Amino acid sequence: MAARAGVSIASASRVLNGVGGSPETVRKVREAAAEVGYVPNAIARSLQSQRTELVALAVEDIGNPVYVEMMRAIESVVADSGRQLLVHATGGRIDNETALLRRLANRYVDGMIVSPIRVTADHLTALQDSPVPVVVVGQLAEDAPVDNVRTDSRRGIALAVDHLVATGRRRIGFVNGPLDTVPGAARDAGFRTALAAHGIVLDENLVEVGDFQYAAGRDATERLLARAEPDALVCANDLIAVGALHALLARGRQVPTDVALVGMDDTELARMMFPQLSSVSLGSAERGRRAAELLLQRIADPSLPPRRAQVAPSLAVRASSAPATHVPAPREEVTS
């Protein structure tokens, strides 16, 4: 190929390996490569450079809209760097996540972003022992030796409760995910603290726990409604909130006239429902973008100290939580 291009073997090698050369040399080598049908050997190049040009993302459920938004943001940043993104669904299983982290010893990727819903001692050990950079999206201890992007679920729940109290609601229920998860525990604590800040005594009958999925959210809401009469519901994510909406409508409850409803994550689902769901944004796309940027910086300079990035929550108010004092005017009956 070098002879066909009329350049030295060293010059052709530099161009083919992306190191560069003069514009004329690059043109000649690329034309020669096209003529002979040359395809770069990615495996050989990765062995030589010790880089795979691949980055991994590990999340609980790739079908969850919050992870879809995060993945899109990460993929955009990663693609701009010339790398590709591999996505793993862990099912929230600790053994799956720690196994993935330990497989990094094989260096099949240049780095990984992981968003665990449970954080154990095994996670921390695997993170510390990882031979390639890892960024965690989620809550970690301040002294964890790893780059970390987080938000404040407790503050997000407080925004939802503050809004509902301001609209006149007092019997506010909460449909949560598992309490043994980081988000479940944080959101439960945030809900209880927010009610207390408004002087509202918590009725445990208004609290129900399920899973972070649509069907579990609907079932949990049905259990809550079978024993209590809330005038508002806060849900730990939008999938739960959609399940809650359907459970309420199935029981003949009007949203928001009878029961106001607020979700969390502010995904596309919230805007697709009728009525559209009020929801607390935890900045999924922004967290993904920042995690990807931290990872690429870490790959370029492994000596950097652990960094922390914080994304603030915000509340998007929509039709599902209109003020309780708003009552539609009765229709005038037409008599003949």
C-alpha atoms as a PDB file:
ATOM      1  CA  MET A   1       0.000   0.000   0.000  1.00  0.00           C
ATOM      2  CA  ALA A   2       2.867   2.345   0.799  1.00  0.00           C
ATOM      3  CA  ALA A   3       4.333   1.690  -2.668  1.00  0.00           C
ATOM      4  CA  ARG A   4       0.950   2.299  -4.334  1.00  0.00           C
ATOM      5  CA  ALA A   5       0.643   5.618  -2.477  1.00  0.00           C
ATOM      6  CA  GLY A   6       4.244   6.567  -3.219  1.00  0.00           C
ATOM      7  CA  VAL A   7       5.107   7.118   0.451  1.00  0.00           C
ATOM      8  CA  SER A   8       7.269   5.371   3.013  1.00  0.00           C
ATOM      9  CA  ILE A   9       5.945   2.434   5.041  1.00  0.00           C
ATOM     10  CA  ALA A  10       6.246   4.566   8.199  1.00  0.00           C
ATOM     11  CA  SER A  11       4.184   7.384   6.677  1.00  0.00           C
ATOM     12  CA  ALA A  12       1.472   4.988   5.519  1.00  0.00           C
ATOM     13  CA  SER A  13       1.370   3.374   8.965  1.00  0.00           C
ATOM     14  CA  ARG A  14       0.949   6.743  10.680  1.00  0.00           C
ATOM     15  CA  VAL A  15      -1.984   7.682   8.456  1.00  0.00           C
ATOM     16  CA  LEU A  16      -3.707   4.304   8.821  1.00  0.00           C
ATOM     17  CA  ASN A  17      -3.352   4.428  12.603  1.00  0.00           C
ATOM     18  CA  GLY A  18      -4.842   7.917  12.804  1.00  0.00           C
ATOM     19  CA  VAL A  19      -1.603   9.609  13.813  1.00  0.00           C
ATOM     20  CA  GLY A  20      -1.707  11.857  10.772  1.00  0.00           C
ATOM     21  CA  GLY A  21       0.673  13.317   8.227  1.00  0.00           C
ATOM     22  CA  SER A  22       0.738  16.047   5.632  1.00  0.00           C
ATOM     23  CA  PRO A  23      -2.563  16.615   3.796  1.00  0.00           C
ATOM     24  CA  GLU A  24      -1.041  15.270   0.591  1.00  0.00           C
ATOM     25  CA  THR A  25       0.299  12.126   2.308  1.00  0.00           C
ATOM     26  CA  VAL A  26      -3.068  11.506   3.987  1.00  0.00           C
ATOM     27  CA  ARG A  27      -4.845  11.878   0.637  1.00  0.00           C
ATOM     28  CA  LYS A  28      -2.502   9.497  -1.163  1.00  0.00           C
ATOM     29  CA  VAL A  29      -2.657   6.813   1.532  1.00  0.00           C
ATOM     30  CA  ARG A  30      -6.441   6.957   1.812  1.00  0.00           C
ATOM     31  CA  GLU A  31      -6.837   6.708  -1.954  1.00  0.00           C
ATOM     32  CA  ALA A  32      -4.492   3.719  -2.042  1.00  0.00           C
ATOM     33  CA  ALA A  33      -6.344   2.081   0.850  1.00  0.00           C
ATOM     34  CA  ALA A  34      -9.647   2.517  -0.970  1.00  0.00           C
ATOM     35  CA  GLU A  35      -8.221   1.027  -4.157  1.00  0.00           C
ATOM     36  CA  VAL A  36      -7.045  -2.154  -2.428  1.00  0.00           C
ATOM     37  CA  GLY A  37     -10.108  -2.397  -0.140  1.00  0.00           C
ATOM     38  CA  TYR A  38      -8.112  -1.999   3.063  1.00  0.00           C
ATOM     39  CA  VAL A  39     -10.141  -2.288   6.304  1.00  0.00           C
ATOM     40  CA  PRO A  40      -8.376  -1.390   9.597  1.00  0.00           C
ATOM     41  CA  ASN A  41      -7.972  -4.259  12.040  1.00  0.00           C
ATOM     42  CA  ALA A  42      -9.600  -2.863  15.173  1.00  0.00           C
ATOM     43  CA  ILE A  43      -8.298  -5.686  17.374  1.00  0.00           C
ATOM     44  CA  ALA A  44      -4.706  -5.173  16.271  1.00  0.00           C
ATOM     45  CA  ARG A  45      -4.992  -1.432  16.729  1.00  0.00           C
ATOM     46  CA  SER A  46      -6.436  -1.830  20.212  1.00  0.00           C
ATOM     47  CA  LEU A  47      -3.601  -4.175  21.194  1.00  0.00           C
ATOM     48  CA  GLN A  48      -1.083  -1.644  19.998  1.00  0.00           C
ATOM     49  CA  SER A  49      -2.683   1.410  21.591  1.00  0.00           C
ATOM     50  CA  GLN A  50      -4.079  -0.357  24.695  1.00  0.00           C
ATOM     51  CA  ARG A  51      -7.400   1.334  23.876  1.00  0.00           C
ATOM     52  CA  THR A  52     -10.593  -0.275  22.626  1.00  0.00           C
ATOM     53  CA  GLU A  53     -12.401   2.994  21.787  1.00  0.00           C
ATOM     54  CA  LEU A  54     -15.406   1.484  23.585  1.00  0.00           C
ATOM     55  CA  VAL A  55     -17.220   2.788  26.676  1.00  0.00           C
ATOM     56  CA  ALA A  56     -19.802   0.788  28.640  1.00  0.00           C
ATOM     57  CA  LEU A  57     -22.978   1.905  30.413  1.00  0.00           C
ATOM     58  CA  ALA A  58     -24.613  -0.367  32.997  1.00  0.00           C
ATOM     59  CA  VAL A  59     -28.148   0.407  34.216  1.00  0.00           C
ATOM     60  CA  GLU A  60     -30.940  -1.532  35.864  1.00  0.00           C
ATOM     61  CA  ASP A  61     -33.434  -1.501  32.971  1.00  0.00           C
ATOM     62  CA  ILE A  62     -32.713  -0.163  29.490  1.00  0.00           C
ATOM     63  CA  GLY A  63     -36.468   0.111  28.882  1.00  0.00           C
ATOM     64  CA  ASN A  64     -36.960   2.640  31.688  1.00  0.00           C
ATOM     65  CA  PRO A  65     -37.404   6.099  30.086  1.00  0.00           C
ATOM     66  CA  VAL A  66     -35.078   7.730  32.630  1.00  0.00           C
ATOM     67  CA  TYR A  67     -32.218   5.477  31.512  1.00  0.00           C
ATOM     68  CA  VAL A  68     -33.102   6.021  27.858  1.00  0.00           C
ATOM     69  CA  GLU A  69     -32.659   9.776  28.309  1.00  0.00           C
ATOM     70  CA  MET A  70     -29.412   9.232  30.202  1.00  0.00           C
ATOM     71  CA  MET A  71     -28.134   6.827  27.538  1.00  0.00           C
ATOM     72  CA  ARG A  72     -28.846   9.258  24.697  1.00  0.00           C
ATOM     73  CA  ALA A  73     -26.891  12.017  26.414  1.00  0.00           C
ATOM     74  CA  ILE A  74     -23.965   9.707  27.158  1.00  0.00           C
ATOM     75  CA  GLU A  75     -23.906   8.330  23.624  1.00  0.00           C
ATOM     76  CA  SER A  76     -23.779  11.843  22.163  1.00  0.00           C
ATOM     77  CA  VAL A  77     -20.717  12.809  24.226  1.00  0.00           C
ATOM     78  CA  VAL A  78     -19.005   9.457  23.639  1.00  0.00           C
ATOM     79  CA  ALA A  79     -19.607   9.602  19.874  1.00  0.00           C
ATOM     80  CA  ASP A  80     -18.080  13.068  19.687  1.00  0.00           C
ATOM     81  CA  SER A  81     -14.890  11.560  21.113  1.00  0.00           C
ATOM     82  CA  GLY A  82     -14.777   8.917  18.372  1.00  0.00           C
ATOM     83  CA  ARG A  83     -15.828   6.092  20.683  1.00  0.00           C
ATOM     84  CA  GLN A  84     -18.798   3.747  20.749  1.00  0.00           C
ATOM     85  CA  LEU A  85     -21.149   2.967  23.625  1.00  0.00           C
ATOM     86  CA  LEU A  86     -22.026  -0.528  24.857  1.00  0.00           C
ATOM     87  CA  VAL A  87     -25.107  -0.808  27.079  1.00  0.00           C
ATOM     88  CA  HIS A  88     -25.735  -3.484  29.725  1.00  0.00           C
ATOM     89  CA  ALA A  89     -29.006  -4.154  31.584  1.00  0.00           C
ATOM     90  CA  THR A  90     -28.273  -5.510  35.068  1.00  0.00           C
ATOM     91  CA  GLY A  91     -31.821  -6.007  36.350  1.00  0.00           C
ATOM     92  CA  GLY A  92     -30.675  -4.210  39.494  1.00  0.00           C
ATOM     93  CA  ARG A  93     -28.889  -7.387  40.591  1.00  0.00           C
ATOM     94  CA  ILE A  94     -25.821  -6.752  42.695  1.00  0.00           C
ATOM     95  CA  ASP A  95     -24.038  -9.852  41.387  1.00  0.00           C
ATOM     96  CA  ASN A  96     -24.539  -8.730  37.783  1.00  0.00           C
ATOM     97  CA  GLU A  97     -23.149  -5.275  38.511  1.00  0.00           C
ATOM     98  CA  THR A  98     -20.119  -6.447  40.465  1.00  0.00           C
ATOM     99  CA  ALA A  99     -19.389  -9.116  37.838  1.00  0.00           C
ATOM    100  CA  LEU A 100     -19.397  -6.425  35.162  1.00  0.00           C
ATOM    101  CA  LEU A 101     -17.032  -4.294  37.198  1.00  0.00           C
ATOM    102  CA  ARG A 102     -14.670  -7.209  37.734  1.00  0.00           C
ATOM    103  CA  ARG A 103     -14.729  -8.061  34.030  1.00  0.00           C
ATOM    104  CA  LEU A 104     -13.121  -4.682  33.449  1.00  0.00           C
ATOM    105  CA  ALA A 105      -9.863  -6.421  34.401  1.00  0.00           C
ATOM    106  CA  ASN A 106     -10.030  -7.852  30.859  1.00  0.00           C
ATOM    107  CA  ARG A 107     -10.028  -4.258  29.560  1.00  0.00           C
ATOM    108  CA  TYR A 108     -12.773  -4.908  27.026  1.00  0.00           C
ATOM    109  CA  VAL A 109     -13.712  -1.240  27.322  1.00  0.00           C
ATOM    110  CA  ASP A 110     -11.773   1.939  28.073  1.00  0.00           C
ATOM    111  CA  GLY A 111     -14.132   2.884  30.874  1.00  0.00           C
ATOM    112  CA  MET A 112     -17.604   2.406  32.318  1.00  0.00           C
ATOM    113  CA  ILE A 113     -20.514   4.457  33.618  1.00  0.00           C
ATOM    114  CA  VAL A 114     -22.686   2.564  36.095  1.00  0.00           C
ATOM    115  CA  SER A 115     -25.923   3.596  37.792  1.00  0.00           C
ATOM    116  CA  PRO A 116     -26.623   1.073  40.586  1.00  0.00           C
ATOM    117  CA  ILE A 117     -29.850   1.301  42.591  1.00  0.00           C
ATOM    118  CA  ARG A 118     -28.176  -0.567  45.456  1.00  0.00           C
ATOM    119  CA  VAL A 119     -24.639   0.162  46.639  1.00  0.00           C
ATOM    120  CA  THR A 120     -22.886  -2.513  48.711  1.00  0.00           C
ATOM    121  CA  ALA A 121     -19.411  -3.138  50.070  1.00  0.00           C
ATOM    122  CA  ASP A 122     -18.855  -5.434  47.063  1.00  0.00           C
ATOM    123  CA  HIS A 123     -19.619  -2.515  44.738  1.00  0.00           C
ATOM    124  CA  LEU A 124     -17.111  -0.281  46.486  1.00  0.00           C
ATOM    125  CA  THR A 125     -14.412  -2.966  46.426  1.00  0.00           C
ATOM    126  CA  ALA A 126     -14.980  -3.643  42.720  1.00  0.00           C
ATOM    127  CA  LEU A 127     -14.915   0.082  41.972  1.00  0.00           C
ATOM    128  CA  GLN A 128     -11.677   0.561  43.861  1.00  0.00           C
ATOM    129  CA  ASP A 129     -10.039  -2.435  42.173  1.00  0.00           C
ATOM    130  CA  SER A 130     -11.128  -1.510  38.646  1.00  0.00           C
ATOM    131  CA  PRO A 131      -8.188  -1.262  36.216  1.00  0.00           C
ATOM    132  CA  VAL A 132     -10.115   1.166  33.992  1.00  0.00           C
ATOM    133  CA  PRO A 133     -11.961   4.369  34.916  1.00  0.00           C
ATOM    134  CA  VAL A 134     -15.513   4.084  36.286  1.00  0.00           C
ATOM    135  CA  VAL A 135     -18.019   6.884  36.922  1.00  0.00           C
ATOM    136  CA  VAL A 136     -21.024   6.226  39.164  1.00  0.00           C
ATOM    137  CA  VAL A 137     -24.333   7.981  38.558  1.00  0.00           C
ATOM    138  CA  GLY A 138     -26.089   7.897  41.910  1.00  0.00           C
ATOM    139  CA  GLN A 139     -25.470   8.561  45.561  1.00  0.00           C
ATOM    140  CA  LEU A 140     -22.115   7.502  46.987  1.00  0.00           C
ATOM    141  CA  ALA A 141     -20.327   8.290  50.227  1.00  0.00           C
ATOM    142  CA  GLU A 142     -18.291  11.482  50.053  1.00  0.00           C
ATOM    143  CA  ASP A 143     -15.039   9.576  50.511  1.00  0.00           C
ATOM    144  CA  ALA A 144     -15.729   7.004  47.775  1.00  0.00           C
ATOM    145  CA  PRO A 145     -12.608   6.842  45.559  1.00  0.00           C
ATOM    146  CA  VAL A 146     -14.484   7.237  42.279  1.00  0.00           C
ATOM    147  CA  ASP A 147     -15.953   9.992  40.119  1.00  0.00           C
ATOM    148  CA  ASN A 148     -19.614  10.503  40.978  1.00  0.00           C
ATOM    149  CA  VAL A 149     -22.601  12.338  39.467  1.00  0.00           C
ATOM    150  CA  ARG A 150     -25.558  12.708  41.784  1.00  0.00           C
ATOM    151  CA  THR A 151     -28.823  14.502  42.346  1.00  0.00           C
ATOM    152  CA  ASP A 152     -30.928  15.187  45.441  1.00  0.00           C
ATOM    153  CA  SER A 153     -33.983  12.918  45.529  1.00  0.00           C
ATOM    154  CA  ARG A 154     -34.979  14.202  48.960  1.00  0.00           C
ATOM    155  CA  ARG A 155     -35.099  17.762  47.690  1.00  0.00           C
ATOM    156  CA  GLY A 156     -37.040  16.581  44.640  1.00  0.00           C
ATOM    157  CA  ILE A 157     -39.714  14.962  46.803  1.00  0.00           C
ATOM    158  CA  ALA A 158     -39.879  18.127  48.921  1.00  0.00           C
ATOM    159  CA  LEU A 159     -40.582  20.174  45.766  1.00  0.00           C
ATOM    160  CA  ALA A 160     -43.529  17.885  44.983  1.00  0.00           C
ATOM    161  CA  VAL A 161     -44.929  18.050  48.539  1.00  0.00           C
ATOM    162  CA  ASP A 162     -44.476  21.834  48.753  1.00  0.00           C
ATOM    163  CA  HIS A 163     -46.404  22.226  45.506  1.00  0.00           C
ATOM    164  CA  LEU A 164     -49.258  19.971  46.599  1.00  0.00           C
ATOM    165  CA  VAL A 165     -49.592  21.689  49.972  1.00  0.00           C
ATOM    166  CA  ALA A 166     -49.654  25.059  48.200  1.00  0.00           C
ATOM    167  CA  THR A 167     -52.598  23.830  46.105  1.00  0.00           C
ATOM    168  CA  GLY A 168     -54.560  22.921  49.239  1.00  0.00           C
ATOM    169  CA  ARG A 169     -53.843  19.207  49.536  1.00  0.00           C
ATOM    170  CA  ARG A 170     -53.362  17.734  53.000  1.00  0.00           C
ATOM    171  CA  ARG A 171     -53.924  13.986  52.711  1.00  0.00           C
ATOM    172  CA  ILE A 172     -50.885  13.363  50.568  1.00  0.00           C
ATOM    173  CA  GLY A 173     -49.976   9.750  49.843  1.00  0.00           C
ATOM    174  CA  PHE A 174     -46.717   8.301  48.592  1.00  0.00           C
ATOM    175  CA  VAL A 175     -46.142   5.327  46.280  1.00  0.00           C
ATOM    176  CA  ASN A 176     -42.496   4.305  46.416  1.00  0.00           C
ATOM    177  CA  GLY A 177     -40.084   1.711  45.076  1.00  0.00           C
ATOM    178  CA  PRO A 178     -38.164  -0.781  47.229  1.00  0.00           C
ATOM    179  CA  LEU A 179     -36.811   0.689  50.468  1.00  0.00           C
ATOM    180  CA  ASP A 180     -33.609  -1.348  50.226  1.00  0.00           C
ATOM    181  CA  THR A 181     -32.548   0.691  47.182  1.00  0.00           C
ATOM    182  CA  VAL A 182     -30.688   4.004  47.324  1.00  0.00           C
ATOM    183  CA  PRO A 183     -33.456   5.982  45.542  1.00  0.00           C
ATOM    184  CA  GLY A 184     -36.244   4.246  47.485  1.00  0.00           C
ATOM    185  CA  ALA A 185     -34.683   5.016  50.867  1.00  0.00           C
ATOM    186  CA  ALA A 186     -33.839   8.612  49.930  1.00  0.00           C
ATOM    187  CA  ARG A 187     -37.323   9.355  48.586  1.00  0.00           C
ATOM    188  CA  ASP A 188     -39.036   7.817  51.600  1.00  0.00           C
ATOM    189  CA  ALA A 189     -36.933   9.962  53.932  1.00  0.00           C
ATOM    190  CA  GLY A 190     -37.575  13.019  51.792  1.00  0.00           C
ATOM    191  CA  PHE A 191     -41.340  12.490  51.864  1.00  0.00           C
ATOM    192  CA  ARG A 192     -41.493  12.131  55.637  1.00  0.00           C
ATOM    193  CA  THR A 193     -39.282  15.171  56.201  1.00  0.00           C
ATOM    194  CA  ALA A 194     -41.305  17.279  53.761  1.00  0.00           C
ATOM    195  CA  LEU A 195     -44.627  16.446  55.452  1.00  0.00           C
ATOM    196  CA  ALA A 196     -43.168  17.253  58.872  1.00  0.00           C
ATOM    197  CA  ALA A 197     -41.913  20.608  57.565  1.00  0.00           C
ATOM    198  CA  HIS A 198     -45.538  21.510  56.799  1.00  0.00           C
ATOM    199  CA  GLY A 199     -46.812  20.252  60.140  1.00  0.00           C
ATOM    200  CA  ILE A 200     -48.628  17.317  58.552  1.00  0.00           C
ATOM    201  CA  VAL A 201     -48.732  14.140  60.634  1.00  0.00           C
ATOM    202  CA  LEU A 202     -47.941  11.168  58.412  1.00  0.00           C
ATOM    203  CA  ASP A 203     -50.679   8.556  58.080  1.00  0.00           C
ATOM    204  CA  GLU A 204     -48.887   5.291  57.305  1.00  0.00           C
ATOM    205  CA  ASN A 205     -52.003   4.112  55.472  1.00  0.00           C
ATOM    206  CA  LEU A 206     -51.102   6.693  52.831  1.00  0.00           C
ATOM    207  CA  VAL A 207     -47.695   5.137  52.141  1.00  0.00           C
ATOM    208  CA  GLU A 208     -47.257   2.104  49.895  1.00  0.00           C
ATOM    209  CA  VAL A 209     -44.168   0.340  48.550  1.00  0.00           C
ATOM    210  CA  GLY A 210     -43.857  -1.621  45.329  1.00  0.00           C
ATOM    211  CA  ASP A 211     -41.248  -1.525  42.583  1.00  0.00           C
ATOM    212  CA  PHE A 212     -40.068   1.095  40.090  1.00  0.00           C
ATOM    213  CA  GLN A 213     -42.245  -0.350  37.312  1.00  0.00           C
ATOM    214  CA  TYR A 214     -45.670   0.424  35.840  1.00  0.00           C
ATOM    215  CA  ALA A 215     -47.492  -2.757  36.947  1.00  0.00           C
ATOM    216  CA  ALA A 216     -46.054  -2.597  40.453  1.00  0.00           C
ATOM    217  CA  GLY A 217     -47.034   1.068  40.679  1.00  0.00           C
ATOM    218  CA  ARG A 218     -50.606   0.318  39.683  1.00  0.00           C
ATOM    219  CA  ASP A 219     -50.853  -2.589  42.139  1.00  0.00           C
ATOM    220  CA  ALA A 220     -49.360  -0.534  44.975  1.00  0.00           C
ATOM    221  CA  THR A 221     -51.782   2.314  44.297  1.00  0.00           C
ATOM    222  CA  GLU A 222     -54.736  -0.089  44.332  1.00  0.00           C
ATOM    223  CA  ARG A 223     -53.618  -1.392  47.736  1.00  0.00           C
ATOM    224  CA  LEU A 224     -53.334   2.152  49.055  1.00  0.00           C
ATOM    225  CA  LEU A 225     -56.754   3.186  47.714  1.00  0.00           C
ATOM    226  CA  ALA A 226     -58.370   0.090  49.253  1.00  0.00           C
ATOM    227  CA  ARG A 227     -57.599   1.411  52.737  1.00  0.00           C
ATOM    228  CA  ALA A 228     -57.228   5.207  52.459  1.00  0.00           C
ATOM    229  CA  GLU A 229     -58.644   8.311  50.781  1.00  0.00           C
ATOM    230  CA  PRO A 230     -55.766  10.547  49.625  1.00  0.00           C
ATOM    231  CA  ASP A 231     -56.350  13.894  47.977  1.00  0.00           C
ATOM    232  CA  ALA A 232     -52.914  13.729  46.350  1.00  0.00           C
ATOM    233  CA  LEU A 233     -50.261  11.156  45.485  1.00  0.00           C
ATOM    234  CA  VAL A 234     -46.524  11.556  45.052  1.00  0.00           C
ATOM    235  CA  CYS A 235     -44.911   8.729  43.069  1.00  0.00           C
ATOM    236  CA  ALA A 236     -41.242   7.771  43.192  1.00  0.00           C
ATOM    237  CA  ASN A 237     -40.914   7.747  39.404  1.00  0.00           C
ATOM    238  CA  ASP A 238     -42.993   8.334  36.280  1.00  0.00           C
ATOM    239  CA  LEU A 239     -43.594   4.628  35.604  1.00  0.00           C
ATOM    240  CA  ILE A 240     -45.179   4.310  39.038  1.00  0.00           C
ATOM    241  CA  ALA A 241     -47.138   7.522  38.408  1.00  0.00           C
ATOM    242  CA  VAL A 242     -48.622   6.163  35.173  1.00  0.00           C
ATOM    243  CA  GLY A 243     -49.651   3.015  37.032  1.00  0.00           C
ATOM    244  CA  ALA A 244     -51.171   5.191  39.757  1.00  0.00           C
ATOM    245  CA  LEU A 245     -53.048   7.260  37.190  1.00  0.00           C
ATOM    246  CA  HIS A 246     -54.626   4.158  35.689  1.00  0.00           C
ATOM    247  CA  ALA A 247     -55.511   2.766  39.120  1.00  0.00           C
ATOM    248  CA  LEU A 248     -57.201   6.043  40.051  1.00  0.00           C
ATOM    249  CA  LEU A 249     -59.170   6.228  36.806  1.00  0.00           C
ATOM    250  CA  ALA A 250     -60.231   2.588  37.166  1.00  0.00           C
ATOM    251  CA  ARG A 251     -61.735   3.470  40.543  1.00  0.00           C
ATOM    252  CA  GLY A 252     -63.582   6.439  39.106  1.00  0.00           C
ATOM    253  CA  ARG A 253     -61.312   9.065  40.706  1.00  0.00           C
ATOM    254  CA  GLN A 254     -60.781  12.192  38.652  1.00  0.00           C
ATOM    255  CA  VAL A 255     -57.256  13.552  38.315  1.00  0.00           C
ATOM    256  CA  PRO A 256     -56.685  16.194  39.563  1.00  0.00           C
ATOM    257  CA  THR A 257     -60.176  17.088  40.864  1.00  0.00           C
ATOM    258  CA  ASP A 258     -60.341  14.170  43.302  1.00  0.00           C
ATOM    259  CA  VAL A 259     -56.664  13.249  43.575  1.00  0.00           C
ATOM    260  CA  ALA A 260     -53.694  15.310  42.412  1.00  0.00           C
ATOM    261  CA  LEU A 261     -50.753  13.336  41.053  1.00  0.00           C
ATOM    262  CA  VAL A 262     -47.017  14.078  40.827  1.00  0.00           C
ATOM    263  CA  GLY A 263     -44.365  11.749  39.408  1.00  0.00           C
ATOM    264  CA  MET A 264     -40.600  11.875  39.403  1.00  0.00           C
ATOM    265  CA  ASP A 265     -37.943  11.912  36.631  1.00  0.00           C
ATOM    266  CA  ASP A 266     -39.984  14.069  34.210  1.00  0.00           C
ATOM    267  CA  THR A 267     -39.550  11.642  31.329  1.00  0.00           C
ATOM    268  CA  GLU A 268     -41.404  11.659  28.009  1.00  0.00           C
ATOM    269  CA  LEU A 269     -44.088   9.518  29.672  1.00  0.00           C
ATOM    270  CA  ALA A 270     -45.159  12.473  31.814  1.00  0.00           C
ATOM    271  CA  ARG A 271     -45.954  14.537  28.722  1.00  0.00           C
ATOM    272  CA  MET A 272     -47.618  11.646  26.889  1.00  0.00           C
ATOM    273  CA  MET A 273     -50.306  10.972  29.529  1.00  0.00           C
ATOM    274  CA  PHE A 274     -53.740  12.572  29.739  1.00  0.00           C
ATOM    275  CA  PRO A 275     -53.862  14.550  31.847  1.00  0.00           C
ATOM    276  CA  GLN A 276     -50.191  15.375  31.459  1.00  0.00           C
ATOM    277  CA  LEU A 277     -48.301  14.506  34.627  1.00  0.00           C
ATOM    278  CA  SER A 278     -46.599  16.978  36.892  1.00  0.00           C
ATOM    279  CA  SER A 279     -43.178  15.520  37.585  1.00  0.00           C
ATOM    280  CA  VAL A 280     -39.913  16.277  39.353  1.00  0.00           C
ATOM    281  CA  SER A 281     -36.967  16.340  36.979  1.00  0.00           C
ATOM    282  CA  LEU A 282     -33.750  14.858  38.334  1.00  0.00           C
ATOM    283  CA  GLY A 283     -31.846  15.913  35.225  1.00  0.00           C
ATOM    284  CA  SER A 284     -31.353  12.474  33.686  1.00  0.00           C
ATOM    285  CA  ALA A 285     -29.846  13.779  30.476  1.00  0.00           C
ATOM    286  CA  GLU A 286     -27.649  16.272  32.313  1.00  0.00           C
ATOM    287  CA  ARG A 287     -26.410  13.602  34.699  1.00  0.00           C
ATOM    288  CA  GLY A 288     -25.572  11.392  31.733  1.00  0.00           C
ATOM    289  CA  ARG A 289     -23.753  14.185  29.934  1.00  0.00           C
ATOM    290  CA  ARG A 290     -21.674  15.080  32.981  1.00  0.00           C
ATOM    291  CA  ALA A 291     -20.857  11.437  33.678  1.00  0.00           C
ATOM    292  CA  ALA A 292     -19.598  10.962  30.113  1.00  0.00           C
ATOM    293  CA  GLU A 293     -17.474  14.097  30.333  1.00  0.00           C
ATOM    294  CA  LEU A 294     -15.960  12.996  33.646  1.00  0.00           C
ATOM    295  CA  LEU A 295     -15.206   9.567  32.212  1.00  0.00           C
ATOM    296  CA  LEU A 296     -13.464  10.916  29.113  1.00  0.00           C
ATOM    297  CA  GLN A 297     -11.408  13.283  31.263  1.00  0.00           C
ATOM    298  CA  ARG A 298     -10.472  10.383  33.527  1.00  0.00           C
ATOM    299  CA  ILE A 299      -9.440   8.221  30.554  1.00  0.00           C
ATOM    300  CA  ALA A 300      -7.218  11.063  29.312  1.00  0.00           C
ATOM    301  CA  ASP A 301      -5.714  11.706  32.766  1.00  0.00           C
ATOM    302  CA  PRO A 302      -6.008   8.830  35.283  1.00  0.00           C
ATOM    303  CA  SER A 303      -4.142  10.892  37.915  1.00  0.00           C
ATOM    304  CA  LEU A 304      -7.056  13.276  38.489  1.00  0.00           C
ATOM    305  CA  PRO A 305      -8.521  13.255  42.033  1.00  0.00           C
ATOM    306  CA  PRO A 306     -12.085  11.905  42.438  1.00  0.00           C
ATOM    307  CA  ARG A 307     -14.633  14.491  41.283  1.00  0.00           C
ATOM    308  CA  ARG A 308     -18.247  15.121  42.339  1.00  0.00           C
ATOM    309  CA  ALA A 309     -20.936  16.657  40.120  1.00  0.00           C
ATOM    310  CA  GLN A 310     -24.361  17.643  41.458  1.00  0.00           C
ATOM    311  CA  VAL A 311     -27.497  18.152  39.331  1.00  0.00           C
ATOM    312  CA  ALA A 312     -30.316  20.040  41.056  1.00  0.00           C
ATOM    313  CA  PRO A 313     -33.919  18.781  40.817  1.00  0.00           C
ATOM    314  CA  SER A 314     -36.745  20.919  39.450  1.00  0.00           C
ATOM    315  CA  LEU A 315     -40.528  20.573  39.302  1.00  0.00           C
ATOM    316  CA  ALA A 316     -42.539  20.681  36.083  1.00  0.00           C
ATOM    317  CA  VAL A 317     -46.170  21.473  36.986  1.00  0.00           C
ATOM    318  CA  ARG A 318     -48.787  20.149  34.580  1.00  0.00           C
ATOM    319  CA  ALA A 319     -52.491  19.337  34.539  1.00  0.00           C
ATOM    320  CA  SER A 320     -52.367  16.345  36.917  1.00  0.00           C
ATOM    321  CA  SER A 321     -51.861  18.552  39.979  1.00  0.00           C
ATOM    322  CA  ALA A 322     -54.096  21.564  39.440  1.00  0.00           C
ATOM    323  CA  PRO A 323     -55.269  23.301  42.638  1.00  0.00           C
ATOM    324  CA  ALA A 324     -57.788  21.376  44.714  1.00  0.00           C
ATOM    325  CA  THR A 325     -60.004  24.456  44.821  1.00  0.00           C
ATOM    326  CA  HIS A 326     -60.539  24.243  41.060  1.00  0.00           C
ATOM    327  CA  VAL A 327     -63.884  22.556  40.406  1.00  0.00           C
ATOM    328  CA  PRO A 328     -65.235  22.407  36.845  1.00  0.00           C
ATOM    329  CA  ALA A 329     -68.489  24.331  36.359  1.00  0.00           C
ATOM    330  CA  PRO A 330     -71.473  22.016  35.984  1.00  0.00           C
ATOM    331  CA  ARG A 331     -72.816  21.602  32.498  1.00  0.00           C
ATOM    332  CA  GLU A 332     -76.111  23.308  31.775  1.00  0.00           C
ATOM    333  CA  GLU A 333     -78.737  20.773  30.860  1.00  0.00           C
ATOM    334  CA  VAL A 334     -80.673  21.568  27.737  1.00  0.00           C
ATOM    335  CA  THR A 335     -84.365  20.905  28.120  1.00  0.00           C
ATOM    336  CA  SER A 336     -86.876  20.767  25.343  1.00  0.00           C
END
